[in-house]
Amino acid sequence: MKTTLNIDDAVMVELKREAARQGRTMSEMVETALRMMLRERKKRGPLPPLPTFSSAMLVDISDRDALYRAMEEEDALYRPMERSK
């Protein structure tokens, strides 16, 4: 299939030089590089699930004041208790 790509000038100079050194066409070089990249991506497999955290607190994050209050309340839960003298 024929297509048009926009490639950075510096990358293109390097591609031409490497293609000439290997006696291959630039199309062959680009196709090989793309195949390697796509094959490597398949080997990685699916991403692991993101961690979840349980919290009884629901906050509307578009409400800045509510968000700050919730963050302050959560901070208070984790602060060490002061000892009475």
N, C-alpha and C. Protein backbone atom coordinates (compact mmCIF):
# COMPACT_ATOMS: atom_id res chain seq x y z
N MET A 1 0.84 -1.16 0.00
CA MET A 1 0.00 0.00 0.00
C MET A 1 0.89 1.23 0.00
N LYS A 2 0.52 2.19 -0.78
CA LYS A 2 1.29 3.42 -0.86
C LYS A 2 0.64 4.45 0.05
N THR A 3 1.48 5.18 0.81
CA THR A 3 0.95 6.20 1.72
C THR A 3 1.94 7.35 1.83
N THR A 4 1.51 8.43 2.43
CA THR A 4 2.37 9.59 2.64
C THR A 4 2.54 9.80 4.14
N LEU A 5 3.77 10.01 4.56
CA LEU A 5 4.07 10.24 5.97
C LEU A 5 4.87 11.52 6.11
N ASN A 6 4.68 12.22 7.21
CA ASN A 6 5.51 13.37 7.54
C ASN A 6 6.55 12.89 8.55
N ILE A 7 7.82 12.96 8.14
CA ILE A 7 8.90 12.48 9.00
C ILE A 7 9.87 13.62 9.24
N ASP A 8 10.29 13.78 10.48
CA ASP A 8 11.23 14.82 10.86
C ASP A 8 12.47 14.75 9.97
N ASP A 9 12.98 15.92 9.58
CA ASP A 9 14.13 15.99 8.67
C ASP A 9 15.34 15.22 9.18
N ALA A 10 15.64 15.38 10.48
CA ALA A 10 16.81 14.70 11.05
C ALA A 10 16.63 13.18 10.99
N VAL A 11 15.41 12.71 11.26
CA VAL A 11 15.15 11.26 11.19
C VAL A 11 15.27 10.78 9.75
N MET A 12 14.80 11.59 8.81
CA MET A 12 14.87 11.20 7.40
C MET A 12 16.32 11.09 6.92
N VAL A 13 17.17 12.01 7.35
CA VAL A 13 18.59 11.95 6.98
C VAL A 13 19.21 10.67 7.51
N GLU A 14 18.90 10.36 8.75
CA GLU A 14 19.43 9.13 9.35
C GLU A 14 18.89 7.88 8.65
N LEU A 15 17.61 7.92 8.31
CA LEU A 15 16.99 6.79 7.60
C LEU A 15 17.66 6.57 6.25
N LYS A 16 17.86 7.63 5.49
CA LYS A 16 18.51 7.51 4.17
C LYS A 16 19.92 6.94 4.31
N ARG A 17 20.65 7.44 5.29
CA ARG A 17 22.02 6.98 5.51
C ARG A 17 22.05 5.50 5.87
N GLU A 18 21.17 5.08 6.79
CA GLU A 18 21.14 3.68 7.22
C GLU A 18 20.65 2.76 6.10
N ALA A 19 19.69 3.21 5.33
CA ALA A 19 19.19 2.41 4.21
C ALA A 19 20.31 2.19 3.19
N ALA A 20 21.06 3.23 2.89
CA ALA A 20 22.17 3.10 1.95
C ALA A 20 23.24 2.16 2.50
N ARG A 21 23.53 2.29 3.80
CA ARG A 21 24.55 1.44 4.42
C ARG A 21 24.16 -0.03 4.34
N GLN A 22 22.86 -0.32 4.52
CA GLN A 22 22.39 -1.70 4.50
C GLN A 22 22.00 -2.19 3.10
N GLY A 23 22.01 -1.28 2.12
CA GLY A 23 21.61 -1.67 0.77
C GLY A 23 20.12 -1.99 0.68
N ARG A 24 19.33 -1.30 1.46
CA ARG A 24 17.89 -1.52 1.46
C ARG A 24 17.18 -0.22 1.11
N THR A 25 15.90 -0.33 0.76
CA THR A 25 15.13 0.88 0.48
C THR A 25 14.65 1.49 1.79
N MET A 26 14.31 2.78 1.73
CA MET A 26 13.77 3.43 2.92
C MET A 26 12.43 2.80 3.30
N SER A 27 11.65 2.41 2.31
CA SER A 27 10.36 1.75 2.59
C SER A 27 10.57 0.47 3.38
N GLU A 28 11.56 -0.31 2.98
CA GLU A 28 11.86 -1.56 3.71
C GLU A 28 12.26 -1.25 5.15
N MET A 29 13.06 -0.22 5.32
CA MET A 29 13.52 0.14 6.67
C MET A 29 12.35 0.57 7.55
N VAL A 30 11.47 1.42 7.01
CA VAL A 30 10.33 1.91 7.78
C VAL A 30 9.39 0.75 8.10
N GLU A 31 9.13 -0.10 7.13
CA GLU A 31 8.24 -1.24 7.36
C GLU A 31 8.81 -2.17 8.43
N THR A 32 10.10 -2.44 8.38
CA THR A 32 10.74 -3.29 9.39
C THR A 32 10.62 -2.67 10.78
N ALA A 33 10.89 -1.37 10.87
CA ALA A 33 10.81 -0.69 12.17
C ALA A 33 9.38 -0.73 12.71
N LEU A 34 8.39 -0.51 11.86
CA LEU A 34 7.00 -0.55 12.30
C LEU A 34 6.60 -1.95 12.74
N ARG A 35 7.03 -2.96 12.00
CA ARG A 35 6.71 -4.34 12.39
C ARG A 35 7.31 -4.67 13.76
N MET A 36 8.55 -4.25 13.98
CA MET A 36 9.20 -4.52 15.26
C MET A 36 8.46 -3.82 16.40
N MET A 37 8.07 -2.56 16.18
CA MET A 37 7.36 -1.81 17.21
C MET A 37 6.01 -2.47 17.53
N LEU A 38 5.29 -2.85 16.50
CA LEU A 38 3.97 -3.46 16.71
C LEU A 38 4.09 -4.84 17.36
N ARG A 39 5.10 -5.61 16.98
CA ARG A 39 5.31 -6.93 17.57
C ARG A 39 5.65 -6.80 19.05
N GLU A 40 6.50 -5.84 19.38
CA GLU A 40 6.90 -5.60 20.77
C GLU A 40 5.69 -5.21 21.60
N ARG A 41 4.81 -4.41 21.04
CA ARG A 41 3.61 -3.99 21.76
C ARG A 41 2.71 -5.18 22.05
N LYS A 42 2.61 -6.12 21.14
CA LYS A 42 1.78 -7.31 21.35
C LYS A 42 2.36 -8.19 22.44
N LYS A 43 3.70 -8.26 22.53
CA LYS A 43 4.35 -9.10 23.54
C LYS A 43 4.07 -8.63 24.95
N ARG A 44 3.91 -7.32 25.11
CA ARG A 44 3.71 -6.77 26.44
C ARG A 44 2.42 -7.26 27.08
N GLY A 45 1.43 -7.55 26.28
CA GLY A 45 0.16 -8.02 26.81
C GLY A 45 -0.65 -6.88 27.41
N PRO A 46 -1.75 -7.25 28.03
CA PRO A 46 -2.61 -6.21 28.58
C PRO A 46 -1.99 -5.55 29.80
N LEU A 47 -2.36 -4.32 30.01
CA LEU A 47 -1.86 -3.60 31.18
C LEU A 47 -2.51 -4.15 32.44
N PRO A 48 -1.78 -4.14 33.54
CA PRO A 48 -2.39 -4.62 34.80
C PRO A 48 -3.48 -3.65 35.23
N PRO A 49 -4.44 -4.13 35.98
CA PRO A 49 -5.51 -3.22 36.42
C PRO A 49 -4.97 -2.14 37.35
N LEU A 50 -5.61 -1.00 37.30
CA LEU A 50 -5.21 0.09 38.20
C LEU A 50 -5.61 -0.24 39.62
N PRO A 51 -4.85 0.22 40.60
CA PRO A 51 -5.23 -0.05 41.99
C PRO A 51 -6.51 0.69 42.35
N THR A 52 -7.26 0.12 43.25
CA THR A 52 -8.47 0.78 43.74
C THR A 52 -8.32 1.00 45.24
N PHE A 53 -8.97 1.99 45.71
CA PHE A 53 -8.91 2.33 47.12
C PHE A 53 -10.33 2.46 47.64
N SER A 54 -10.56 1.95 48.82
CA SER A 54 -11.90 2.08 49.38
C SER A 54 -11.95 3.34 50.22
N SER A 55 -13.03 4.05 50.07
CA SER A 55 -13.22 5.26 50.84
C SER A 55 -14.71 5.51 50.96
N ALA A 56 -15.13 5.91 52.12
CA ALA A 56 -16.54 6.20 52.33
C ALA A 56 -16.88 7.61 51.87
N MET A 57 -15.85 8.37 51.48
CA MET A 57 -16.02 9.76 51.14
C MET A 57 -16.25 9.93 49.64
N LEU A 58 -17.35 10.55 49.26
CA LEU A 58 -17.59 10.90 47.87
C LEU A 58 -17.53 12.40 47.76
N VAL A 59 -16.79 12.90 46.77
CA VAL A 59 -16.60 14.33 46.63
C VAL A 59 -16.80 14.72 45.17
N ASP A 60 -17.52 15.80 44.97
CA ASP A 60 -17.67 16.36 43.64
C ASP A 60 -16.39 17.15 43.34
N ILE A 61 -15.54 16.63 42.49
CA ILE A 61 -14.24 17.27 42.27
C ILE A 61 -14.36 18.59 41.54
N SER A 62 -15.53 18.90 40.98
CA SER A 62 -15.71 20.21 40.36
C SER A 62 -16.00 21.29 41.40
N ASP A 63 -16.28 20.88 42.64
CA ASP A 63 -16.51 21.81 43.74
C ASP A 63 -15.22 21.92 44.54
N ARG A 64 -14.45 22.96 44.25
CA ARG A 64 -13.13 23.11 44.85
C ARG A 64 -13.18 23.15 46.39
N ASP A 65 -14.14 23.88 46.94
CA ASP A 65 -14.23 23.97 48.40
C ASP A 65 -14.51 22.61 49.02
N ALA A 66 -15.42 21.85 48.41
CA ALA A 66 -15.74 20.52 48.94
C ALA A 66 -14.52 19.60 48.84
N LEU A 67 -13.78 19.75 47.76
CA LEU A 67 -12.58 18.92 47.58
C LEU A 67 -11.54 19.24 48.65
N TYR A 68 -11.31 20.53 48.91
CA TYR A 68 -10.35 20.91 49.95
C TYR A 68 -10.79 20.43 51.32
N ARG A 69 -12.10 20.57 51.62
CA ARG A 69 -12.60 20.09 52.92
C ARG A 69 -12.37 18.59 53.07
N ALA A 70 -12.64 17.84 52.01
CA ALA A 70 -12.46 16.39 52.06
C ALA A 70 -10.99 16.04 52.27
N MET A 71 -10.10 16.77 51.60
CA MET A 71 -8.67 16.48 51.74
C MET A 71 -8.21 16.80 53.17
N GLU A 72 -8.73 17.88 53.73
CA GLU A 72 -8.36 18.23 55.11
C GLU A 72 -8.88 17.19 56.09
N GLU A 73 -10.10 16.70 55.87
CA GLU A 73 -10.66 15.68 56.75
C GLU A 73 -9.84 14.40 56.67
N GLU A 74 -9.43 14.03 55.47
CA GLU A 74 -8.64 12.82 55.31
C GLU A 74 -7.28 12.97 55.96
N ASP A 75 -6.67 14.16 55.82
CA ASP A 75 -5.39 14.41 56.48
C ASP A 75 -5.51 14.26 57.99
N ALA A 76 -6.62 14.72 58.54
CA ALA A 76 -6.83 14.65 59.99
C ALA A 76 -6.87 13.20 60.45
N LEU A 77 -7.35 12.31 59.61
CA LEU A 77 -7.42 10.89 59.98
C LEU A 77 -6.04 10.27 60.15
N TYR A 78 -5.06 10.80 59.42
CA TYR A 78 -3.74 10.20 59.43
C TYR A 78 -2.71 10.97 60.27
N ARG A 79 -3.10 12.07 60.87
CA ARG A 79 -2.17 12.82 61.73
C ARG A 79 -2.00 12.07 63.05
N PRO A 80 -0.81 12.04 63.57
CA PRO A 80 -0.60 11.38 64.88
C PRO A 80 -1.35 12.16 65.95
N MET A 81 -1.91 11.43 66.88
CA MET A 81 -2.65 12.07 67.97
C MET A 81 -1.67 12.75 68.92
N GLU A 82 -2.05 13.94 69.41
CA GLU A 82 -1.21 14.65 70.38
C GLU A 82 -1.41 14.04 71.76
N ARG A 83 -0.35 13.89 72.48
CA ARG A 83 -0.44 13.35 73.84
C ARG A 83 -0.82 14.45 74.80
N SER A 84 -1.68 14.15 75.70
CA SER A 84 -2.04 15.16 76.71
C SER A 84 -0.97 15.16 77.80
N LYS A 85 -0.68 16.33 78.32
CA LYS A 85 0.40 16.48 79.32
C LYS A 85 -0.14 16.43 80.71
